[in-house]
Amino acid sequence: MTSIHDLGLFVVAGLLLNLTPGPDMTYIAARAATGGFRDGLAAAFGIAAGCVVHTLAAAVGLSALIAASSTAFSVVKWCGAAYLLYAGVRLLAGSARRVPAAAAASVLAPASPRAILREAFLINVFNPKVALFFLAFLPQFIDTGAPGKALAFVVLGCVFNANGVIVNGAVAWLASRAARRLRSGLGPARALRATLGAFFVVLAARLALVDRS
């Protein structure tokens, strides 16, 4: 469409950004390590659903409102930080308990694919950094004077999401394969839980310190 330019550059940049580790990728890897590739893929689609919300919000200007309103930004930020902190503390507590090896091999509590999709969706939606990313990144590839800018936002969001599903699906597959080698021992599984728990806590702290600049 005429309002979008440098689509090839956008695809490459989107792939590189999707490859950057963060709470989304960590959650997908943790779910795949716990329940296998299917659960990891459910998490990947949940993240994608959250990105759809951010894309539509950017298209209609809601992300701009969050960026401009300190109250709205803070509410979203603290909800996301609180959930990440909860997930991290739960993982750290689980790694400290003495449990059978079979149970310790589960990095997160087992859940249905629908519940995993919903949880991943919430992790993504309540991250204001994602909202600001879509608001700052997508317009660079949209002609400011062209009509149909909202539709261009949606198209670019769909392209970014397609890239994200491919990358995150690969992450889920690799994590599920790696987890199989950990299930035979208690020590590696507990170490994985502790590492992921600490990483979630760090991400919660980083998110809590984010400002609108």
N, C-alpha and C. Protein backbone atom coordinates (compact mmCIF):
# COMPACT_ATOMS: atom_id res chain seq x y z
N MET A 1 0.85 -1.19 0.00
CA MET A 1 0.00 0.00 0.00
C MET A 1 0.88 1.25 0.00
N THR A 2 0.39 2.35 -0.61
CA THR A 2 1.23 3.51 -0.87
C THR A 2 1.66 4.24 0.40
N SER A 3 0.96 4.08 1.50
CA SER A 3 1.33 4.81 2.71
C SER A 3 2.47 4.13 3.48
N ILE A 4 2.86 2.92 3.07
CA ILE A 4 3.95 2.19 3.72
C ILE A 4 5.19 2.24 2.83
N HIS A 5 6.33 2.52 3.42
CA HIS A 5 7.57 2.54 2.66
C HIS A 5 8.62 1.69 3.37
N ASP A 6 9.63 1.26 2.63
CA ASP A 6 10.75 0.47 3.17
C ASP A 6 10.25 -0.77 3.91
N LEU A 7 9.34 -1.50 3.28
CA LEU A 7 8.77 -2.68 3.94
C LEU A 7 9.84 -3.74 4.22
N GLY A 8 10.77 -3.92 3.28
CA GLY A 8 11.84 -4.91 3.50
C GLY A 8 12.67 -4.57 4.72
N LEU A 9 13.01 -3.30 4.88
CA LEU A 9 13.77 -2.87 6.06
C LEU A 9 12.96 -3.09 7.33
N PHE A 10 11.65 -2.86 7.25
CA PHE A 10 10.78 -3.09 8.41
C PHE A 10 10.79 -4.55 8.81
N VAL A 11 10.74 -5.45 7.84
CA VAL A 11 10.73 -6.89 8.13
C VAL A 11 12.03 -7.29 8.83
N VAL A 12 13.16 -6.82 8.30
CA VAL A 12 14.46 -7.16 8.90
C VAL A 12 14.55 -6.59 10.31
N ALA A 13 14.18 -5.33 10.48
CA ALA A 13 14.23 -4.70 11.81
C ALA A 13 13.31 -5.42 12.78
N GLY A 14 12.12 -5.81 12.30
CA GLY A 14 11.18 -6.53 13.16
C GLY A 14 11.72 -7.87 13.61
N LEU A 15 12.38 -8.59 12.70
CA LEU A 15 12.97 -9.88 13.06
C LEU A 15 14.07 -9.70 14.11
N LEU A 16 14.90 -8.69 13.94
CA LEU A 16 15.95 -8.44 14.92
C LEU A 16 15.37 -8.08 16.28
N LEU A 17 14.32 -7.28 16.27
CA LEU A 17 13.69 -6.89 17.54
C LEU A 17 13.01 -8.09 18.20
N ASN A 18 12.40 -8.95 17.39
CA ASN A 18 11.78 -10.15 17.95
C ASN A 18 12.80 -11.12 18.54
N LEU A 19 14.03 -11.05 18.06
CA LEU A 19 15.09 -11.92 18.57
C LEU A 19 15.70 -11.39 19.87
N THR A 20 15.34 -10.16 20.26
CA THR A 20 15.89 -9.58 21.49
C THR A 20 15.22 -10.21 22.70
N PRO A 21 15.99 -10.79 23.63
CA PRO A 21 15.39 -11.43 24.82
C PRO A 21 14.62 -10.41 25.67
N GLY A 22 13.53 -10.87 26.24
CA GLY A 22 12.70 -10.03 27.10
C GLY A 22 11.70 -10.90 27.84
N PRO A 23 10.73 -10.29 28.54
CA PRO A 23 9.77 -11.09 29.31
C PRO A 23 8.93 -12.01 28.44
N ASP A 24 8.59 -11.57 27.23
CA ASP A 24 7.79 -12.41 26.34
C ASP A 24 8.53 -13.69 25.98
N MET A 25 9.77 -13.53 25.51
CA MET A 25 10.56 -14.69 25.11
C MET A 25 10.84 -15.61 26.30
N THR A 26 11.10 -15.00 27.46
CA THR A 26 11.37 -15.79 28.66
C THR A 26 10.15 -16.62 29.05
N TYR A 27 8.98 -16.02 28.97
CA TYR A 27 7.76 -16.75 29.33
C TYR A 27 7.51 -17.89 28.35
N ILE A 28 7.71 -17.64 27.07
CA ILE A 28 7.52 -18.69 26.07
C ILE A 28 8.47 -19.85 26.33
N ALA A 29 9.74 -19.54 26.59
CA ALA A 29 10.72 -20.59 26.86
C ALA A 29 10.36 -21.37 28.12
N ALA A 30 9.89 -20.66 29.14
CA ALA A 30 9.52 -21.34 30.39
C ALA A 30 8.33 -22.27 30.18
N ARG A 31 7.35 -21.81 29.43
CA ARG A 31 6.18 -22.66 29.17
C ARG A 31 6.55 -23.87 28.33
N ALA A 32 7.43 -23.68 27.34
CA ALA A 32 7.85 -24.81 26.52
C ALA A 32 8.66 -25.80 27.33
N ALA A 33 9.47 -25.28 28.25
CA ALA A 33 10.26 -26.16 29.10
C ALA A 33 9.39 -26.97 30.04
N THR A 34 8.25 -26.41 30.42
CA THR A 34 7.34 -27.09 31.33
C THR A 34 6.44 -28.10 30.62
N GLY A 35 5.75 -27.63 29.59
CA GLY A 35 4.73 -28.46 28.97
C GLY A 35 5.01 -28.91 27.56
N GLY A 36 6.18 -28.57 27.04
CA GLY A 36 6.52 -28.98 25.69
C GLY A 36 6.19 -27.92 24.65
N PHE A 37 6.41 -28.30 23.41
CA PHE A 37 6.26 -27.36 22.30
C PHE A 37 4.85 -26.79 22.22
N ARG A 38 3.84 -27.61 22.47
CA ARG A 38 2.45 -27.13 22.36
C ARG A 38 2.19 -25.97 23.31
N ASP A 39 2.64 -26.09 24.55
CA ASP A 39 2.43 -25.02 25.52
C ASP A 39 3.24 -23.78 25.14
N GLY A 40 4.46 -23.98 24.65
CA GLY A 40 5.26 -22.85 24.22
C GLY A 40 4.62 -22.12 23.05
N LEU A 41 4.01 -22.88 22.13
CA LEU A 41 3.35 -22.27 20.99
C LEU A 41 2.10 -21.51 21.43
N ALA A 42 1.38 -22.05 22.42
CA ALA A 42 0.23 -21.33 22.96
C ALA A 42 0.65 -19.99 23.55
N ALA A 43 1.80 -19.98 24.24
CA ALA A 43 2.33 -18.74 24.79
C ALA A 43 2.70 -17.77 23.67
N ALA A 44 3.29 -18.29 22.60
CA ALA A 44 3.67 -17.44 21.47
C ALA A 44 2.45 -16.78 20.85
N PHE A 45 1.36 -17.54 20.71
CA PHE A 45 0.14 -16.96 20.15
C PHE A 45 -0.51 -15.97 21.12
N GLY A 46 -0.35 -16.20 22.43
CA GLY A 46 -0.84 -15.23 23.40
C GLY A 46 -0.11 -13.91 23.30
N ILE A 47 1.22 -13.99 23.14
CA ILE A 47 2.02 -12.78 22.95
C ILE A 47 1.58 -12.06 21.67
N ALA A 48 1.34 -12.83 20.61
CA ALA A 48 0.90 -12.24 19.35
C ALA A 48 -0.44 -11.53 19.52
N ALA A 49 -1.35 -12.14 20.30
CA ALA A 49 -2.64 -11.51 20.55
C ALA A 49 -2.47 -10.18 21.28
N GLY A 50 -1.53 -10.15 22.22
CA GLY A 50 -1.25 -8.90 22.91
C GLY A 50 -0.71 -7.84 21.97
N CYS A 51 0.14 -8.25 21.02
CA CYS A 51 0.68 -7.31 20.04
C CYS A 51 -0.42 -6.77 19.13
N VAL A 52 -1.44 -7.58 18.86
CA VAL A 52 -2.58 -7.09 18.08
C VAL A 52 -3.26 -5.94 18.81
N VAL A 53 -3.42 -6.09 20.13
CA VAL A 53 -4.03 -5.02 20.92
C VAL A 53 -3.19 -3.75 20.83
N HIS A 54 -1.87 -3.89 20.98
CA HIS A 54 -0.99 -2.72 20.90
C HIS A 54 -1.02 -2.08 19.51
N THR A 55 -1.11 -2.92 18.47
CA THR A 55 -1.19 -2.38 17.11
C THR A 55 -2.46 -1.56 16.92
N LEU A 56 -3.60 -2.12 17.34
CA LEU A 56 -4.87 -1.41 17.20
C LEU A 56 -4.89 -0.14 18.06
N ALA A 57 -4.29 -0.24 19.26
CA ALA A 57 -4.24 0.92 20.13
C ALA A 57 -3.41 2.04 19.50
N ALA A 58 -2.29 1.67 18.88
CA ALA A 58 -1.48 2.68 18.21
C ALA A 58 -2.22 3.27 17.02
N ALA A 59 -2.98 2.43 16.32
CA ALA A 59 -3.71 2.90 15.14
C ALA A 59 -4.78 3.93 15.51
N VAL A 60 -5.42 3.76 16.65
CA VAL A 60 -6.50 4.68 17.03
C VAL A 60 -6.03 5.75 18.02
N GLY A 61 -4.74 5.71 18.40
CA GLY A 61 -4.20 6.76 19.25
C GLY A 61 -4.19 6.49 20.73
N LEU A 62 -4.59 5.29 21.17
CA LEU A 62 -4.60 5.00 22.60
C LEU A 62 -3.20 4.94 23.18
N SER A 63 -2.25 4.43 22.40
CA SER A 63 -0.88 4.39 22.88
C SER A 63 -0.34 5.80 23.10
N ALA A 64 -0.75 6.73 22.24
CA ALA A 64 -0.34 8.12 22.43
C ALA A 64 -0.91 8.66 23.73
N LEU A 65 -2.13 8.25 24.06
CA LEU A 65 -2.75 8.68 25.32
C LEU A 65 -1.97 8.14 26.52
N ILE A 66 -1.58 6.87 26.44
CA ILE A 66 -0.79 6.28 27.53
C ILE A 66 0.55 7.00 27.67
N ALA A 67 1.15 7.34 26.52
CA ALA A 67 2.43 8.03 26.56
C ALA A 67 2.30 9.43 27.14
N ALA A 68 1.15 10.06 26.90
CA ALA A 68 0.96 11.44 27.35
C ALA A 68 0.46 11.53 28.79
N SER A 69 -0.25 10.52 29.24
CA SER A 69 -0.85 10.55 30.58
C SER A 69 0.02 9.77 31.56
N SER A 70 0.55 10.45 32.55
CA SER A 70 1.38 9.78 33.54
C SER A 70 0.58 8.78 34.35
N THR A 71 -0.68 9.08 34.60
CA THR A 71 -1.52 8.16 35.38
C THR A 71 -1.78 6.87 34.61
N ALA A 72 -2.19 7.00 33.35
CA ALA A 72 -2.46 5.81 32.53
C ALA A 72 -1.20 4.98 32.35
N PHE A 73 -0.09 5.66 32.09
CA PHE A 73 1.17 4.94 31.92
C PHE A 73 1.56 4.20 33.19
N SER A 74 1.41 4.85 34.34
CA SER A 74 1.80 4.24 35.61
C SER A 74 0.93 3.03 35.94
N VAL A 75 -0.37 3.12 35.67
CA VAL A 75 -1.27 2.00 35.96
C VAL A 75 -0.86 0.78 35.17
N VAL A 76 -0.64 0.96 33.87
CA VAL A 76 -0.24 -0.16 33.02
C VAL A 76 1.12 -0.70 33.44
N LYS A 77 2.05 0.22 33.72
CA LYS A 77 3.41 -0.19 34.09
C LYS A 77 3.41 -1.01 35.37
N TRP A 78 2.70 -0.54 36.41
CA TRP A 78 2.74 -1.24 37.69
C TRP A 78 1.98 -2.57 37.64
N CYS A 79 0.95 -2.65 36.82
CA CYS A 79 0.26 -3.94 36.65
C CYS A 79 1.22 -4.95 36.03
N GLY A 80 1.96 -4.54 35.01
CA GLY A 80 2.91 -5.44 34.38
C GLY A 80 4.05 -5.83 35.31
N ALA A 81 4.59 -4.86 36.03
CA ALA A 81 5.69 -5.15 36.96
C ALA A 81 5.23 -6.08 38.07
N ALA A 82 4.02 -5.86 38.59
CA ALA A 82 3.51 -6.70 39.67
C ALA A 82 3.35 -8.15 39.21
N TYR A 83 2.87 -8.34 37.99
CA TYR A 83 2.69 -9.71 37.51
C TYR A 83 4.03 -10.39 37.29
N LEU A 84 4.99 -9.68 36.72
CA LEU A 84 6.31 -10.27 36.51
C LEU A 84 6.98 -10.61 37.84
N LEU A 85 6.82 -9.73 38.83
CA LEU A 85 7.39 -9.99 40.15
C LEU A 85 6.74 -11.22 40.78
N TYR A 86 5.42 -11.33 40.64
CA TYR A 86 4.71 -12.50 41.17
C TYR A 86 5.22 -13.79 40.53
N ALA A 87 5.38 -13.76 39.20
CA ALA A 87 5.86 -14.95 38.49
C ALA A 87 7.28 -15.30 38.92
N GLY A 88 8.13 -14.27 39.08
CA GLY A 88 9.51 -14.52 39.47
C GLY A 88 9.63 -15.08 40.87
N VAL A 89 8.88 -14.52 41.82
CA VAL A 89 8.92 -15.01 43.20
C VAL A 89 8.40 -16.43 43.27
N ARG A 90 7.36 -16.73 42.51
CA ARG A 90 6.80 -18.09 42.50
C ARG A 90 7.83 -19.10 41.99
N LEU A 91 8.59 -18.71 40.96
CA LEU A 91 9.62 -19.60 40.44
C LEU A 91 10.75 -19.78 41.45
N LEU A 92 11.18 -18.70 42.08
CA LEU A 92 12.26 -18.80 43.06
C LEU A 92 11.84 -19.65 44.25
N ALA A 93 10.59 -19.49 44.71
CA ALA A 93 10.10 -20.30 45.82
C ALA A 93 10.04 -21.77 45.44
N GLY A 94 9.63 -22.04 44.21
CA GLY A 94 9.56 -23.43 43.76
C GLY A 94 10.94 -24.07 43.65
N SER A 95 11.96 -23.26 43.27
CA SER A 95 13.30 -23.83 43.14
C SER A 95 13.91 -24.14 44.50
N ALA A 96 13.43 -23.47 45.55
CA ALA A 96 13.99 -23.69 46.89
C ALA A 96 13.36 -24.88 47.61
N ARG A 97 12.16 -25.29 47.17
CA ARG A 97 11.49 -26.41 47.83
C ARG A 97 12.09 -27.73 47.39
N ARG A 98 12.06 -28.70 48.29
CA ARG A 98 12.49 -30.06 47.96
C ARG A 98 11.29 -30.81 47.41
N VAL A 99 11.34 -31.09 46.13
CA VAL A 99 10.24 -31.79 45.48
C VAL A 99 10.82 -32.91 44.64
N PRO A 100 9.99 -33.90 44.27
CA PRO A 100 10.48 -34.97 43.41
C PRO A 100 11.01 -34.43 42.09
N ALA A 101 11.93 -35.18 41.51
CA ALA A 101 12.55 -34.73 40.26
C ALA A 101 11.52 -34.49 39.17
N ALA A 102 10.50 -35.34 39.08
CA ALA A 102 9.49 -35.18 38.03
C ALA A 102 8.76 -33.87 38.18
N ALA A 103 8.47 -33.46 39.41
CA ALA A 103 7.78 -32.19 39.62
C ALA A 103 8.71 -31.02 39.41
N ALA A 104 9.97 -31.18 39.80
CA ALA A 104 10.92 -30.08 39.65
C ALA A 104 11.21 -29.79 38.19
N ALA A 105 11.00 -30.76 37.33
CA ALA A 105 11.25 -30.55 35.91
C ALA A 105 10.27 -29.57 35.31
N SER A 106 9.15 -29.29 35.99
CA SER A 106 8.20 -28.31 35.50
C SER A 106 8.64 -26.93 35.95
N VAL A 107 8.96 -26.06 35.01
CA VAL A 107 9.43 -24.72 35.35
C VAL A 107 8.28 -23.85 35.84
N LEU A 108 7.13 -23.95 35.23
CA LEU A 108 5.93 -23.25 35.65
C LEU A 108 4.85 -24.28 35.95
N ALA A 109 3.86 -23.87 36.74
CA ALA A 109 2.75 -24.78 37.03
C ALA A 109 2.03 -25.15 35.74
N PRO A 110 1.71 -26.43 35.56
CA PRO A 110 1.00 -26.84 34.34
C PRO A 110 -0.31 -26.09 34.18
N ALA A 111 -0.68 -25.82 32.94
CA ALA A 111 -1.92 -25.10 32.65
C ALA A 111 -2.40 -25.53 31.27
N SER A 112 -3.67 -25.28 31.01
CA SER A 112 -4.22 -25.60 29.70
C SER A 112 -3.71 -24.60 28.67
N PRO A 113 -3.70 -24.98 27.40
CA PRO A 113 -3.26 -24.03 26.37
C PRO A 113 -4.05 -22.72 26.40
N ARG A 114 -5.36 -22.81 26.70
CA ARG A 114 -6.17 -21.59 26.76
C ARG A 114 -5.70 -20.69 27.90
N ALA A 115 -5.40 -21.27 29.06
CA ALA A 115 -4.93 -20.48 30.20
C ALA A 115 -3.56 -19.88 29.90
N ILE A 116 -2.70 -20.64 29.24
CA ILE A 116 -1.37 -20.14 28.88
C ILE A 116 -1.49 -18.98 27.90
N LEU A 117 -2.36 -19.13 26.91
CA LEU A 117 -2.57 -18.06 25.94
C LEU A 117 -3.05 -16.79 26.64
N ARG A 118 -3.98 -16.95 27.59
CA ARG A 118 -4.50 -15.79 28.31
C ARG A 118 -3.42 -15.13 29.16
N GLU A 119 -2.60 -15.95 29.82
CA GLU A 119 -1.55 -15.41 30.68
C GLU A 119 -0.50 -14.67 29.86
N ALA A 120 -0.10 -15.25 28.72
CA ALA A 120 0.88 -14.59 27.85
C ALA A 120 0.31 -13.28 27.30
N PHE A 121 -0.96 -13.29 26.96
CA PHE A 121 -1.63 -12.10 26.48
C PHE A 121 -1.55 -10.97 27.51
N LEU A 122 -1.80 -11.29 28.77
CA LEU A 122 -1.77 -10.28 29.82
C LEU A 122 -0.35 -9.76 30.05
N ILE A 123 0.65 -10.65 30.00
CA ILE A 123 2.03 -10.22 30.17
C ILE A 123 2.39 -9.18 29.12
N ASN A 124 1.96 -9.41 27.89
CA ASN A 124 2.29 -8.49 26.80
C ASN A 124 1.48 -7.20 26.88
N VAL A 125 0.19 -7.32 27.13
CA VAL A 125 -0.69 -6.13 27.13
C VAL A 125 -0.30 -5.17 28.24
N PHE A 126 0.08 -5.70 29.42
CA PHE A 126 0.40 -4.84 30.55
C PHE A 126 1.87 -4.43 30.58
N ASN A 127 2.51 -4.43 29.43
CA ASN A 127 3.88 -3.93 29.32
C ASN A 127 3.83 -2.64 28.51
N PRO A 128 3.89 -1.46 29.17
CA PRO A 128 3.77 -0.21 28.42
C PRO A 128 4.92 0.03 27.46
N LYS A 129 6.06 -0.65 27.69
CA LYS A 129 7.18 -0.51 26.77
C LYS A 129 6.80 -1.03 25.39
N VAL A 130 5.95 -2.06 25.35
CA VAL A 130 5.51 -2.59 24.06
C VAL A 130 4.62 -1.57 23.36
N ALA A 131 3.72 -0.93 24.13
CA ALA A 131 2.84 0.09 23.56
C ALA A 131 3.65 1.24 22.97
N LEU A 132 4.64 1.70 23.73
CA LEU A 132 5.46 2.81 23.25
C LEU A 132 6.33 2.39 22.07
N PHE A 133 6.75 1.12 22.06
CA PHE A 133 7.52 0.62 20.93
C PHE A 133 6.70 0.70 19.65
N PHE A 134 5.47 0.23 19.68
CA PHE A 134 4.63 0.26 18.48
C PHE A 134 4.38 1.70 18.05
N LEU A 135 4.19 2.59 19.02
CA LEU A 135 3.92 3.99 18.70
C LEU A 135 5.15 4.66 18.09
N ALA A 136 6.36 4.26 18.53
CA ALA A 136 7.58 4.89 18.04
C ALA A 136 8.13 4.22 16.79
N PHE A 137 7.97 2.90 16.68
CA PHE A 137 8.61 2.14 15.61
C PHE A 137 7.80 2.14 14.32
N LEU A 138 6.52 1.83 14.41
CA LEU A 138 5.71 1.70 13.20
C LEU A 138 5.62 2.98 12.38
N PRO A 139 5.44 4.16 12.99
CA PRO A 139 5.31 5.37 12.17
C PRO A 139 6.52 5.68 11.30
N GLN A 140 7.68 5.13 11.63
CA GLN A 140 8.88 5.37 10.82
C GLN A 140 8.74 4.79 9.42
N PHE A 141 7.79 3.88 9.24
CA PHE A 141 7.61 3.22 7.95
C PHE A 141 6.27 3.59 7.31
N ILE A 142 5.67 4.67 7.79
CA ILE A 142 4.40 5.14 7.26
C ILE A 142 4.55 6.59 6.81
N ASP A 143 4.13 6.89 5.59
CA ASP A 143 4.19 8.25 5.08
C ASP A 143 3.23 9.15 5.87
N THR A 144 3.78 10.22 6.41
CA THR A 144 2.97 11.08 7.28
C THR A 144 1.84 11.77 6.53
N GLY A 145 2.05 12.06 5.27
CA GLY A 145 1.03 12.79 4.52
C GLY A 145 0.05 11.91 3.77
N ALA A 146 0.23 10.60 3.82
CA ALA A 146 -0.62 9.69 3.05
C ALA A 146 -1.91 9.38 3.80
N PRO A 147 -3.00 9.13 3.09
CA PRO A 147 -4.24 8.72 3.76
C PRO A 147 -4.15 7.26 4.20
N GLY A 148 -5.06 6.86 5.07
CA GLY A 148 -5.11 5.46 5.49
C GLY A 148 -3.99 5.07 6.42
N LYS A 149 -3.54 6.02 7.24
CA LYS A 149 -2.43 5.69 8.16
C LYS A 149 -2.84 4.64 9.19
N ALA A 150 -4.09 4.65 9.62
CA ALA A 150 -4.54 3.65 10.60
C ALA A 150 -4.46 2.25 10.01
N LEU A 151 -4.86 2.12 8.75
CA LEU A 151 -4.78 0.82 8.08
C LEU A 151 -3.33 0.39 7.92
N ALA A 152 -2.44 1.35 7.65
CA ALA A 152 -1.02 1.03 7.53
C ALA A 152 -0.47 0.51 8.85
N PHE A 153 -0.91 1.10 9.97
CA PHE A 153 -0.52 0.59 11.29
C PHE A 153 -0.91 -0.88 11.43
N VAL A 154 -2.13 -1.21 11.04
CA VAL A 154 -2.63 -2.57 11.18
C VAL A 154 -1.83 -3.53 10.30
N VAL A 155 -1.56 -3.13 9.07
CA VAL A 155 -0.80 -3.99 8.15
C VAL A 155 0.60 -4.25 8.70
N LEU A 156 1.28 -3.20 9.13
CA LEU A 156 2.63 -3.37 9.67
C LEU A 156 2.60 -4.20 10.95
N GLY A 157 1.58 -4.00 11.78
CA GLY A 157 1.44 -4.81 12.99
C GLY A 157 1.28 -6.28 12.66
N CYS A 158 0.51 -6.58 11.61
CA CYS A 158 0.33 -7.98 11.20
C CYS A 158 1.64 -8.58 10.71
N VAL A 159 2.42 -7.80 9.96
CA VAL A 159 3.72 -8.28 9.48
C VAL A 159 4.65 -8.55 10.66
N PHE A 160 4.68 -7.60 11.60
CA PHE A 160 5.53 -7.77 12.79
C PHE A 160 5.10 -8.99 13.59
N ASN A 161 3.80 -9.19 13.72
CA ASN A 161 3.28 -10.34 14.46
C ASN A 161 3.63 -11.65 13.77
N ALA A 162 3.55 -11.67 12.45
CA ALA A 162 3.91 -12.90 11.72
C ALA A 162 5.37 -13.25 11.98
N ASN A 163 6.24 -12.24 11.93
CA ASN A 163 7.64 -12.48 12.26
C ASN A 163 7.79 -12.99 13.69
N GLY A 164 7.03 -12.38 14.60
CA GLY A 164 7.12 -12.76 16.00
C GLY A 164 6.71 -14.20 16.25
N VAL A 165 5.65 -14.64 15.59
CA VAL A 165 5.20 -16.02 15.76
C VAL A 165 6.26 -16.99 15.27
N ILE A 166 6.91 -16.65 14.15
CA ILE A 166 7.96 -17.53 13.62
C ILE A 166 9.12 -17.62 14.60
N VAL A 167 9.59 -16.47 15.08
CA VAL A 167 10.72 -16.45 16.02
C VAL A 167 10.35 -17.14 17.32
N ASN A 168 9.20 -16.78 17.88
CA ASN A 168 8.80 -17.35 19.17
C ASN A 168 8.46 -18.83 19.06
N GLY A 169 7.95 -19.24 17.90
CA GLY A 169 7.72 -20.67 17.70
C GLY A 169 9.03 -21.44 17.71
N ALA A 170 10.07 -20.84 17.11
CA ALA A 170 11.39 -21.48 17.14
C ALA A 170 11.95 -21.53 18.56
N VAL A 171 11.72 -20.46 19.32
CA VAL A 171 12.16 -20.44 20.72
C VAL A 171 11.46 -21.55 21.51
N ALA A 172 10.16 -21.71 21.29
CA ALA A 172 9.39 -22.74 21.98
C ALA A 172 9.92 -24.13 21.63
N TRP A 173 10.23 -24.35 20.37
CA TRP A 173 10.72 -25.67 19.94
C TRP A 173 12.08 -25.96 20.57
N LEU A 174 12.98 -24.98 20.54
CA LEU A 174 14.32 -25.18 21.11
C LEU A 174 14.25 -25.39 22.62
N ALA A 175 13.40 -24.62 23.30
CA ALA A 175 13.29 -24.75 24.75
C ALA A 175 12.70 -26.10 25.13
N SER A 176 11.72 -26.57 24.35
CA SER A 176 11.12 -27.87 24.67
C SER A 176 12.12 -29.00 24.49
N ARG A 177 12.98 -28.90 23.48
CA ARG A 177 14.00 -29.92 23.27
C ARG A 177 15.05 -29.89 24.37
N ALA A 178 15.45 -28.68 24.75
CA ALA A 178 16.45 -28.56 25.81
C ALA A 178 15.92 -29.08 27.13
N ALA A 179 14.63 -28.87 27.38
CA ALA A 179 14.04 -29.28 28.65
C ALA A 179 14.02 -30.79 28.80
N ARG A 180 13.92 -31.51 27.70
CA ARG A 180 13.91 -32.97 27.78
C ARG A 180 15.18 -33.50 28.43
N ARG A 181 16.27 -32.81 28.21
CA ARG A 181 17.55 -33.26 28.77
C ARG A 181 17.66 -32.93 30.26
N LEU A 182 16.79 -32.02 30.72
CA LEU A 182 16.83 -31.64 32.12
C LEU A 182 15.92 -32.50 32.99
N ARG A 183 14.97 -33.15 32.35
CA ARG A 183 13.95 -33.86 33.13
C ARG A 183 14.50 -35.07 33.87
N SER A 184 15.67 -35.55 33.47
CA SER A 184 16.23 -36.73 34.12
C SER A 184 16.94 -36.40 35.43
N GLY A 185 17.12 -35.13 35.74
CA GLY A 185 17.84 -34.76 36.96
C GLY A 185 17.16 -33.65 37.71
N LEU A 186 17.26 -33.66 39.04
CA LEU A 186 16.63 -32.65 39.88
C LEU A 186 17.42 -31.34 39.86
N GLY A 187 18.76 -31.44 39.94
CA GLY A 187 19.59 -30.25 40.04
C GLY A 187 19.44 -29.28 38.89
N PRO A 188 19.60 -29.72 37.62
CA PRO A 188 19.45 -28.79 36.51
C PRO A 188 18.08 -28.15 36.45
N ALA A 189 17.02 -28.89 36.74
CA ALA A 189 15.67 -28.33 36.68
C ALA A 189 15.48 -27.25 37.73
N ARG A 190 15.99 -27.51 38.96
CA ARG A 190 15.87 -26.50 40.01
C ARG A 190 16.68 -25.26 39.66
N ALA A 191 17.84 -25.45 39.04
CA ALA A 191 18.67 -24.32 38.63
C ALA A 191 17.96 -23.49 37.57
N LEU A 192 17.26 -24.17 36.65
CA LEU A 192 16.52 -23.47 35.61
C LEU A 192 15.40 -22.64 36.21
N ARG A 193 14.67 -23.22 37.17
CA ARG A 193 13.60 -22.48 37.84
C ARG A 193 14.16 -21.24 38.52
N ALA A 194 15.28 -21.40 39.24
CA ALA A 194 15.87 -20.28 39.96
C ALA A 194 16.34 -19.19 39.00
N THR A 195 16.95 -19.61 37.90
CA THR A 195 17.45 -18.64 36.92
C THR A 195 16.31 -17.85 36.30
N LEU A 196 15.27 -18.57 35.87
CA LEU A 196 14.12 -17.89 35.28
C LEU A 196 13.42 -16.99 36.30
N GLY A 197 13.32 -17.47 37.53
CA GLY A 197 12.68 -16.65 38.57
C GLY A 197 13.44 -15.36 38.79
N ALA A 198 14.77 -15.45 38.89
CA ALA A 198 15.58 -14.25 39.08
C ALA A 198 15.45 -13.31 37.88
N PHE A 199 15.37 -13.89 36.68
CA PHE A 199 15.25 -13.06 35.49
C PHE A 199 13.92 -12.32 35.47
N PHE A 200 12.83 -12.98 35.88
CA PHE A 200 11.54 -12.32 35.95
C PHE A 200 11.56 -11.18 36.97
N VAL A 201 12.21 -11.40 38.11
CA VAL A 201 12.30 -10.35 39.13
C VAL A 201 13.07 -9.15 38.58
N VAL A 202 14.17 -9.41 37.89
CA VAL A 202 14.95 -8.32 37.28
C VAL A 202 14.11 -7.56 36.25
N LEU A 203 13.36 -8.30 35.42
CA LEU A 203 12.51 -7.64 34.43
C LEU A 203 11.43 -6.80 35.09
N ALA A 204 10.89 -7.29 36.21
CA ALA A 204 9.89 -6.52 36.95
C ALA A 204 10.49 -5.21 37.46
N ALA A 205 11.71 -5.30 37.98
CA ALA A 205 12.38 -4.09 38.47
C ALA A 205 12.65 -3.12 37.34
N ARG A 206 13.11 -3.63 36.20
CA ARG A 206 13.38 -2.75 35.06
C ARG A 206 12.10 -2.08 34.57
N LEU A 207 11.00 -2.84 34.52
CA LEU A 207 9.74 -2.28 34.07
C LEU A 207 9.25 -1.22 35.05
N ALA A 208 9.43 -1.45 36.33
CA ALA A 208 8.99 -0.48 37.34
C ALA A 208 9.76 0.83 37.23
N LEU A 209 11.00 0.77 36.72
CA LEU A 209 11.82 1.97 36.60
C LEU A 209 11.65 2.69 35.29
N VAL A 210 10.85 2.13 34.38
CA VAL A 210 10.66 2.75 33.07
C VAL A 210 9.88 4.05 33.22
N ASP A 211 10.30 5.08 32.50
CA ASP A 211 9.51 6.30 32.44
C ASP A 211 9.07 6.52 31.00
N ARG A 212 8.40 7.61 30.73
CA ARG A 212 7.83 7.83 29.41
C ARG A 212 8.82 8.43 28.42
N SER A 213 10.01 8.76 28.87
CA SER A 213 10.99 9.38 27.96
C SER A 213 11.62 8.33 27.05
